[in-house]
Amino acid sequence: MSDLEGQAPSVDAGKSQLARVYARAFVAVAQKSGDFEPVSREFHSLVFDVLQKSPGFLRLIHSPRTSSHEKIQLVQRVFGGRVSPTVLQFLQTIISHNRFDCLNEIALLVRERVHELQGRVRVQVRTAEQLDDTLRKRIVEVLNKAIQKEVVLEESVDPELLGGLVVRVGDQVIDGSVRHRLEQIRQDAVRRARQEIQVQSERFAAV
């Protein structure tokens, strides 16, 4: 048994479970609306492209001095007629249940659920340098074959990462053979880049 097994669930674990319940409820309502994918994209964009860039609005929503009724009125005033009825009603629902603190996680889980229903899987790839198109394509091909689903690649750059690449597929563990293959692809790309630099340097020197 690991050190974590047998321990009582943490508050964060409970919050994550609650966020998952709300995410599935949102997807179910979006499916019934007939605009499943557009509504889901709209919700994700609202959370991360609009709300996260509106600190003043978020302070009011999270303030204990603002009543739930006032918060719902604020959402109606700001977003009424600007977002779909499904998204607006969902925002009002989580406010009325005092669960706005779960919003970011709900939005991420909604996106994961959309991918799941469409036979796709989100894969996070972290590298020390930005991937070029060729390397990105080869990584996707290997992951598609290994996971047997269409891969939606999410890239991040971490300059402090000392070589290699970090790949995360939800809660799945990528087996050693796949990790080895991906690392080979990365090393091949690095070698090709160095060879190209060498060739260009020699041409320059010859001029």
C-alpha atoms as a PDB file:
ATOM      1  CA  MET A   1       0.000   0.000   0.000  1.00  0.00           C
ATOM      2  CA  SER A   2       1.333   3.444  -0.884  1.00  0.00           C
ATOM      3  CA  ASP A   3       1.562   6.312   1.594  1.00  0.00           C
ATOM      4  CA  LEU A   4      -1.525   7.897   0.046  1.00  0.00           C
ATOM      5  CA  GLU A   5      -3.755   4.861   0.187  1.00  0.00           C
ATOM      6  CA  GLY A   6      -6.105   4.634   3.118  1.00  0.00           C
ATOM      7  CA  GLN A   7      -5.998   8.354   3.866  1.00  0.00           C
ATOM      8  CA  ALA A   8      -9.192  10.393   4.173  1.00  0.00           C
ATOM      9  CA  PRO A   9     -10.119  12.378   1.032  1.00  0.00           C
ATOM     10  CA  SER A  10      -8.733  15.900   1.063  1.00  0.00           C
ATOM     11  CA  VAL A  11     -10.817  19.031   0.638  1.00  0.00           C
ATOM     12  CA  ASP A  12      -9.324  19.463  -2.843  1.00  0.00           C
ATOM     13  CA  ALA A  13     -10.362  15.929  -3.787  1.00  0.00           C
ATOM     14  CA  GLY A  14     -13.903  16.699  -2.684  1.00  0.00           C
ATOM     15  CA  LYS A  15     -13.892  19.919  -4.673  1.00  0.00           C
ATOM     16  CA  SER A  16     -12.636  18.084  -7.752  1.00  0.00           C
ATOM     17  CA  GLN A  17     -15.384  15.508  -7.444  1.00  0.00           C
ATOM     18  CA  LEU A  18     -17.986  18.246  -7.154  1.00  0.00           C
ATOM     19  CA  ALA A  19     -16.538  20.010 -10.192  1.00  0.00           C
ATOM     20  CA  ARG A  20     -16.829  16.758 -12.138  1.00  0.00           C
ATOM     21  CA  VAL A  21     -20.527  16.475 -11.223  1.00  0.00           C
ATOM     22  CA  TYR A  22     -21.192  20.031 -12.418  1.00  0.00           C
ATOM     23  CA  ALA A  23     -19.168  19.463 -15.607  1.00  0.00           C
ATOM     24  CA  ARG A  24     -21.187  16.395 -16.536  1.00  0.00           C
ATOM     25  CA  ALA A  25     -24.420  18.275 -15.771  1.00  0.00           C
ATOM     26  CA  PHE A  26     -23.331  21.136 -18.058  1.00  0.00           C
ATOM     27  CA  VAL A  27     -22.472  18.736 -20.891  1.00  0.00           C
ATOM     28  CA  ALA A  28     -25.818  16.966 -20.512  1.00  0.00           C
ATOM     29  CA  VAL A  29     -27.699  20.268 -20.764  1.00  0.00           C
ATOM     30  CA  ALA A  30     -25.530  21.399 -23.702  1.00  0.00           C
ATOM     31  CA  GLN A  31     -26.287  18.162 -25.540  1.00  0.00           C
ATOM     32  CA  LYS A  32     -30.010  18.739 -25.114  1.00  0.00           C
ATOM     33  CA  SER A  33     -29.678  22.292 -26.414  1.00  0.00           C
ATOM     34  CA  GLY A  34     -28.630  20.970 -29.827  1.00  0.00           C
ATOM     35  CA  ASP A  35     -25.483  23.143 -29.892  1.00  0.00           C
ATOM     36  CA  PHE A  36     -23.281  20.853 -27.865  1.00  0.00           C
ATOM     37  CA  GLU A  37     -19.812  21.680 -29.185  1.00  0.00           C
ATOM     38  CA  PRO A  38     -20.300  25.449 -29.809  1.00  0.00           C
ATOM     39  CA  VAL A  39     -21.835  25.946 -26.347  1.00  0.00           C
ATOM     40  CA  SER A  40     -18.994  24.005 -24.719  1.00  0.00           C
ATOM     41  CA  ARG A  41     -16.398  26.089 -26.562  1.00  0.00           C
ATOM     42  CA  GLU A  42     -18.239  29.261 -25.583  1.00  0.00           C
ATOM     43  CA  PHE A  43     -18.192  28.252 -21.916  1.00  0.00           C
ATOM     44  CA  HIS A  44     -14.469  27.473 -21.961  1.00  0.00           C
ATOM     45  CA  SER A  45     -13.666  30.760 -23.725  1.00  0.00           C
ATOM     46  CA  LEU A  46     -15.810  32.739 -21.288  1.00  0.00           C
ATOM     47  CA  VAL A  47     -14.005  31.284 -18.299  1.00  0.00           C
ATOM     48  CA  PHE A  48     -10.422  31.613 -19.530  1.00  0.00           C
ATOM     49  CA  ASP A  49     -10.529  34.410 -22.107  1.00  0.00           C
ATOM     50  CA  VAL A  50     -12.983  36.723 -20.371  1.00  0.00           C
ATOM     51  CA  LEU A  51     -13.460  36.056 -16.662  1.00  0.00           C
ATOM     52  CA  GLN A  52      -9.815  35.339 -15.894  1.00  0.00           C
ATOM     53  CA  LYS A  53      -8.947  38.702 -17.422  1.00  0.00           C
ATOM     54  CA  SER A  54     -11.568  40.540 -15.366  1.00  0.00           C
ATOM     55  CA  PRO A  55     -10.187  40.731 -11.797  1.00  0.00           C
ATOM     56  CA  GLY A  56     -12.669  43.401 -10.729  1.00  0.00           C
ATOM     57  CA  PHE A  57     -15.631  41.251 -11.731  1.00  0.00           C
ATOM     58  CA  LEU A  58     -14.142  38.192 -10.017  1.00  0.00           C
ATOM     59  CA  ARG A  59     -13.584  40.130  -6.792  1.00  0.00           C
ATOM     60  CA  LEU A  60     -17.283  41.021  -6.683  1.00  0.00           C
ATOM     61  CA  ILE A  61     -18.342  37.453  -7.441  1.00  0.00           C
ATOM     62  CA  HIS A  62     -16.083  35.991  -4.745  1.00  0.00           C
ATOM     63  CA  SER A  63     -16.783  38.686  -2.156  1.00  0.00           C
ATOM     64  CA  PRO A  64     -18.743  37.438   0.885  1.00  0.00           C
ATOM     65  CA  ARG A  65     -20.200  40.955   1.147  1.00  0.00           C
ATOM     66  CA  THR A  66     -22.079  40.473  -2.135  1.00  0.00           C
ATOM     67  CA  SER A  67     -25.215  38.359  -1.772  1.00  0.00           C
ATOM     68  CA  SER A  68     -26.003  35.507  -4.149  1.00  0.00           C
ATOM     69  CA  HIS A  69     -28.961  37.489  -5.455  1.00  0.00           C
ATOM     70  CA  GLU A  70     -26.722  40.482  -6.237  1.00  0.00           C
ATOM     71  CA  LYS A  71     -24.165  38.230  -7.919  1.00  0.00           C
ATOM     72  CA  ILE A  72     -26.825  36.616 -10.114  1.00  0.00           C
ATOM     73  CA  GLN A  73     -28.137  40.059 -11.066  1.00  0.00           C
ATOM     74  CA  LEU A  74     -24.578  41.146 -11.903  1.00  0.00           C
ATOM     75  CA  VAL A  75     -24.057  38.142 -14.180  1.00  0.00           C
ATOM     76  CA  GLN A  76     -27.401  38.808 -15.861  1.00  0.00           C
ATOM     77  CA  ARG A  77     -26.534  42.462 -16.395  1.00  0.00           C
ATOM     78  CA  VAL A  78     -23.031  41.787 -17.748  1.00  0.00           C
ATOM     79  CA  PHE A  79     -23.635  38.674 -19.841  1.00  0.00           C
ATOM     80  CA  GLY A  80     -27.350  38.669 -20.606  1.00  0.00           C
ATOM     81  CA  GLY A  81     -27.766  38.687 -24.386  1.00  0.00           C
ATOM     82  CA  ARG A  82     -24.016  38.228 -24.861  1.00  0.00           C
ATOM     83  CA  VAL A  83     -23.757  34.514 -24.108  1.00  0.00           C
ATOM     84  CA  SER A  84     -26.049  31.610 -24.837  1.00  0.00           C
ATOM     85  CA  PRO A  85     -28.948  30.922 -22.432  1.00  0.00           C
ATOM     86  CA  THR A  86     -27.309  27.592 -21.488  1.00  0.00           C
ATOM     87  CA  VAL A  87     -24.072  29.247 -20.364  1.00  0.00           C
ATOM     88  CA  LEU A  88     -25.855  32.111 -18.620  1.00  0.00           C
ATOM     89  CA  GLN A  89     -28.144  29.791 -16.693  1.00  0.00           C
ATOM     90  CA  PHE A  90     -25.228  27.588 -15.684  1.00  0.00           C
ATOM     91  CA  LEU A  91     -23.286  30.565 -14.304  1.00  0.00           C
ATOM     92  CA  GLN A  92     -26.327  31.599 -12.297  1.00  0.00           C
ATOM     93  CA  THR A  93     -26.761  28.045 -11.001  1.00  0.00           C
ATOM     94  CA  ILE A  94     -23.229  27.676  -9.665  1.00  0.00           C
ATOM     95  CA  ILE A  95     -23.481  31.122  -8.071  1.00  0.00           C
ATOM     96  CA  SER A  96     -26.726  30.220  -6.348  1.00  0.00           C
ATOM     97  CA  HIS A  97     -25.039  27.070  -4.995  1.00  0.00           C
ATOM     98  CA  ASN A  98     -21.964  29.063  -3.953  1.00  0.00           C
ATOM     99  CA  ARG A  99     -19.689  27.000  -6.199  1.00  0.00           C
ATOM    100  CA  PHE A 100     -18.071  29.688  -8.338  1.00  0.00           C
ATOM    101  CA  ASP A 101     -14.746  28.623  -6.827  1.00  0.00           C
ATOM    102  CA  CYS A 102     -15.000  25.447  -8.939  1.00  0.00           C
ATOM    103  CA  LEU A 103     -15.507  27.306 -12.219  1.00  0.00           C
ATOM    104  CA  ASN A 104     -12.025  26.874 -13.700  1.00  0.00           C
ATOM    105  CA  GLU A 105     -11.916  23.173 -12.929  1.00  0.00           C
ATOM    106  CA  ILE A 106     -15.448  22.713 -14.253  1.00  0.00           C
ATOM    107  CA  ALA A 107     -14.469  24.350 -17.551  1.00  0.00           C
ATOM    108  CA  LEU A 108     -11.419  22.087 -17.928  1.00  0.00           C
ATOM    109  CA  LEU A 109     -13.496  19.002 -17.153  1.00  0.00           C
ATOM    110  CA  VAL A 110     -16.161  20.071 -19.651  1.00  0.00           C
ATOM    111  CA  ARG A 111     -13.515  20.256 -22.344  1.00  0.00           C
ATOM    112  CA  GLU A 112     -12.191  16.813 -21.375  1.00  0.00           C
ATOM    113  CA  ARG A 113     -15.715  15.402 -21.494  1.00  0.00           C
ATOM    114  CA  VAL A 114     -16.293  16.898 -24.946  1.00  0.00           C
ATOM    115  CA  HIS A 115     -13.085  15.299 -26.193  1.00  0.00           C
ATOM    116  CA  GLU A 116     -14.073  11.987 -24.627  1.00  0.00           C
ATOM    117  CA  LEU A 117     -17.481  11.971 -26.304  1.00  0.00           C
ATOM    118  CA  GLN A 118     -15.886  12.786 -29.647  1.00  0.00           C
ATOM    119  CA  GLY A 119     -13.269  10.050 -29.361  1.00  0.00           C
ATOM    120  CA  ARG A 120     -10.411  12.445 -28.668  1.00  0.00           C
ATOM    121  CA  VAL A 121      -7.985  12.651 -25.786  1.00  0.00           C
ATOM    122  CA  ARG A 122      -6.065  15.655 -24.494  1.00  0.00           C
ATOM    123  CA  VAL A 123      -2.330  15.115 -24.187  1.00  0.00           C
ATOM    124  CA  GLN A 124      -0.070  17.609 -22.452  1.00  0.00           C
ATOM    125  CA  VAL A 125       3.494  17.814 -23.748  1.00  0.00           C
ATOM    126  CA  ARG A 126       6.111  19.881 -21.939  1.00  0.00           C
ATOM    127  CA  THR A 127       9.458  20.558 -23.598  1.00  0.00           C
ATOM    128  CA  ALA A 128      12.449  22.811 -23.021  1.00  0.00           C
ATOM    129  CA  GLU A 129      11.949  24.465 -26.420  1.00  0.00           C
ATOM    130  CA  GLN A 130       9.012  25.096 -28.727  1.00  0.00           C
ATOM    131  CA  LEU A 131       8.109  22.124 -30.935  1.00  0.00           C
ATOM    132  CA  ASP A 132       8.479  22.593 -34.676  1.00  0.00           C
ATOM    133  CA  ASP A 133       5.794  21.334 -37.074  1.00  0.00           C
ATOM    134  CA  THR A 134       7.679  18.169 -38.057  1.00  0.00           C
ATOM    135  CA  LEU A 135       8.388  17.094 -34.488  1.00  0.00           C
ATOM    136  CA  ARG A 136       4.838  17.924 -33.419  1.00  0.00           C
ATOM    137  CA  LYS A 137       3.405  15.799 -36.240  1.00  0.00           C
ATOM    138  CA  ARG A 138       5.595  12.803 -35.382  1.00  0.00           C
ATOM    139  CA  ILE A 139       4.715  12.987 -31.700  1.00  0.00           C
ATOM    140  CA  VAL A 140       0.996  13.075 -32.526  1.00  0.00           C
ATOM    141  CA  GLU A 141       1.373  10.076 -34.854  1.00  0.00           C
ATOM    142  CA  VAL A 142       3.072   7.995 -32.148  1.00  0.00           C
ATOM    143  CA  LEU A 143       0.507   8.971 -29.509  1.00  0.00           C
ATOM    144  CA  ASN A 144      -2.452   8.329 -31.844  1.00  0.00           C
ATOM    145  CA  LYS A 145      -1.168   4.810 -32.448  1.00  0.00           C
ATOM    146  CA  ALA A 146      -0.378   4.152 -28.772  1.00  0.00           C
ATOM    147  CA  ILE A 147      -3.623   5.520 -27.313  1.00  0.00           C
ATOM    148  CA  GLN A 148      -5.909   4.451 -30.165  1.00  0.00           C
ATOM    149  CA  LYS A 149      -7.695   7.801 -30.076  1.00  0.00           C
ATOM    150  CA  GLU A 150      -7.372  11.123 -31.833  1.00  0.00           C
ATOM    151  CA  VAL A 151      -4.873  13.180 -29.856  1.00  0.00           C
ATOM    152  CA  VAL A 152      -5.431  16.847 -29.041  1.00  0.00           C
ATOM    153  CA  LEU A 153      -1.961  18.119 -28.240  1.00  0.00           C
ATOM    154  CA  GLU A 154      -1.483  20.838 -25.627  1.00  0.00           C
ATOM    155  CA  GLU A 155       2.033  22.211 -25.578  1.00  0.00           C
ATOM    156  CA  SER A 156       3.925  24.114 -22.930  1.00  0.00           C
ATOM    157  CA  VAL A 157       7.525  25.259 -22.809  1.00  0.00           C
ATOM    158  CA  ASP A 158       9.641  24.959 -19.676  1.00  0.00           C
ATOM    159  CA  PRO A 159      13.168  26.354 -20.256  1.00  0.00           C
ATOM    160  CA  GLU A 160      14.281  24.808 -16.957  1.00  0.00           C
ATOM    161  CA  LEU A 161      13.470  21.306 -18.226  1.00  0.00           C
ATOM    162  CA  LEU A 162      16.841  19.644 -18.698  1.00  0.00           C
ATOM    163  CA  GLY A 163      16.360  17.897 -22.015  1.00  0.00           C
ATOM    164  CA  GLY A 164      13.763  15.306 -22.870  1.00  0.00           C
ATOM    165  CA  LEU A 165      10.054  15.887 -22.798  1.00  0.00           C
ATOM    166  CA  VAL A 166       7.260  15.314 -20.307  1.00  0.00           C
ATOM    167  CA  VAL A 167       4.042  13.777 -21.626  1.00  0.00           C
ATOM    168  CA  ARG A 168       0.856  13.508 -19.614  1.00  0.00           C
ATOM    169  CA  VAL A 169      -2.322  11.817 -20.819  1.00  0.00           C
ATOM    170  CA  GLY A 170      -4.918  12.631 -18.192  1.00  0.00           C
ATOM    171  CA  ASP A 171      -4.371  10.150 -15.372  1.00  0.00           C
ATOM    172  CA  GLN A 172      -2.899   7.524 -17.695  1.00  0.00           C
ATOM    173  CA  VAL A 173       0.702   6.444 -17.438  1.00  0.00           C
ATOM    174  CA  ILE A 174       2.508   6.180 -20.752  1.00  0.00           C
ATOM    175  CA  ASP A 175       4.441   2.919 -20.823  1.00  0.00           C
ATOM    176  CA  GLY A 176       8.197   2.826 -21.222  1.00  0.00           C
ATOM    177  CA  SER A 177       8.184   1.818 -24.883  1.00  0.00           C
ATOM    178  CA  VAL A 178       6.103   4.859 -25.888  1.00  0.00           C
ATOM    179  CA  ARG A 179       8.216   7.217 -23.782  1.00  0.00           C
ATOM    180  CA  HIS A 180      11.345   5.751 -25.362  1.00  0.00           C
ATOM    181  CA  ARG A 181       9.923   6.228 -28.875  1.00  0.00           C
ATOM    182  CA  LEU A 182       8.974   9.848 -28.164  1.00  0.00           C
ATOM    183  CA  GLU A 183      12.420  10.543 -26.743  1.00  0.00           C
ATOM    184  CA  GLN A 184      14.016   9.036 -29.853  1.00  0.00           C
ATOM    185  CA  ILE A 185      11.911  11.353 -32.014  1.00  0.00           C
ATOM    186  CA  ARG A 186      13.004  14.355 -29.976  1.00  0.00           C
ATOM    187  CA  GLN A 187      16.679  13.379 -30.115  1.00  0.00           C
ATOM    188  CA  ASP A 188      16.470  12.838 -33.883  1.00  0.00           C
ATOM    189  CA  ALA A 189      15.006  16.325 -34.270  1.00  0.00           C
ATOM    190  CA  VAL A 190      17.790  17.818 -32.151  1.00  0.00           C
ATOM    191  CA  ARG A 191      20.444  16.017 -34.217  1.00  0.00           C
ATOM    192  CA  ARG A 192      18.905  17.230 -37.474  1.00  0.00           C
ATOM    193  CA  ALA A 193      18.803  20.795 -36.176  1.00  0.00           C
ATOM    194  CA  ARG A 194      22.469  20.633 -35.137  1.00  0.00           C
ATOM    195  CA  GLN A 195      23.457  19.164 -38.495  1.00  0.00           C
ATOM    196  CA  GLU A 196      21.603  21.937 -40.295  1.00  0.00           C
ATOM    197  CA  ILE A 197      23.367  24.562 -38.186  1.00  0.00           C
ATOM    198  CA  GLN A 198      26.700  22.892 -38.945  1.00  0.00           C
ATOM    199  CA  VAL A 199      26.003  22.857 -42.684  1.00  0.00           C
ATOM    200  CA  GLN A 200      24.938  26.495 -42.677  1.00  0.00           C
ATOM    201  CA  SER A 201      28.021  27.467 -40.676  1.00  0.00           C
ATOM    202  CA  GLU A 202      30.316  25.681 -43.124  1.00  0.00           C
ATOM    203  CA  ARG A 203      28.622  27.369 -46.092  1.00  0.00           C
ATOM    204  CA  PHE A 204      28.990  30.751 -44.420  1.00  0.00           C
ATOM    205  CA  ALA A 205      32.670  30.092 -43.704  1.00  0.00           C
ATOM    206  CA  ALA A 206      33.264  29.103 -47.314  1.00  0.00           C
ATOM    207  CA  VAL A 207      31.916  32.381 -48.672  1.00  0.00           C
END
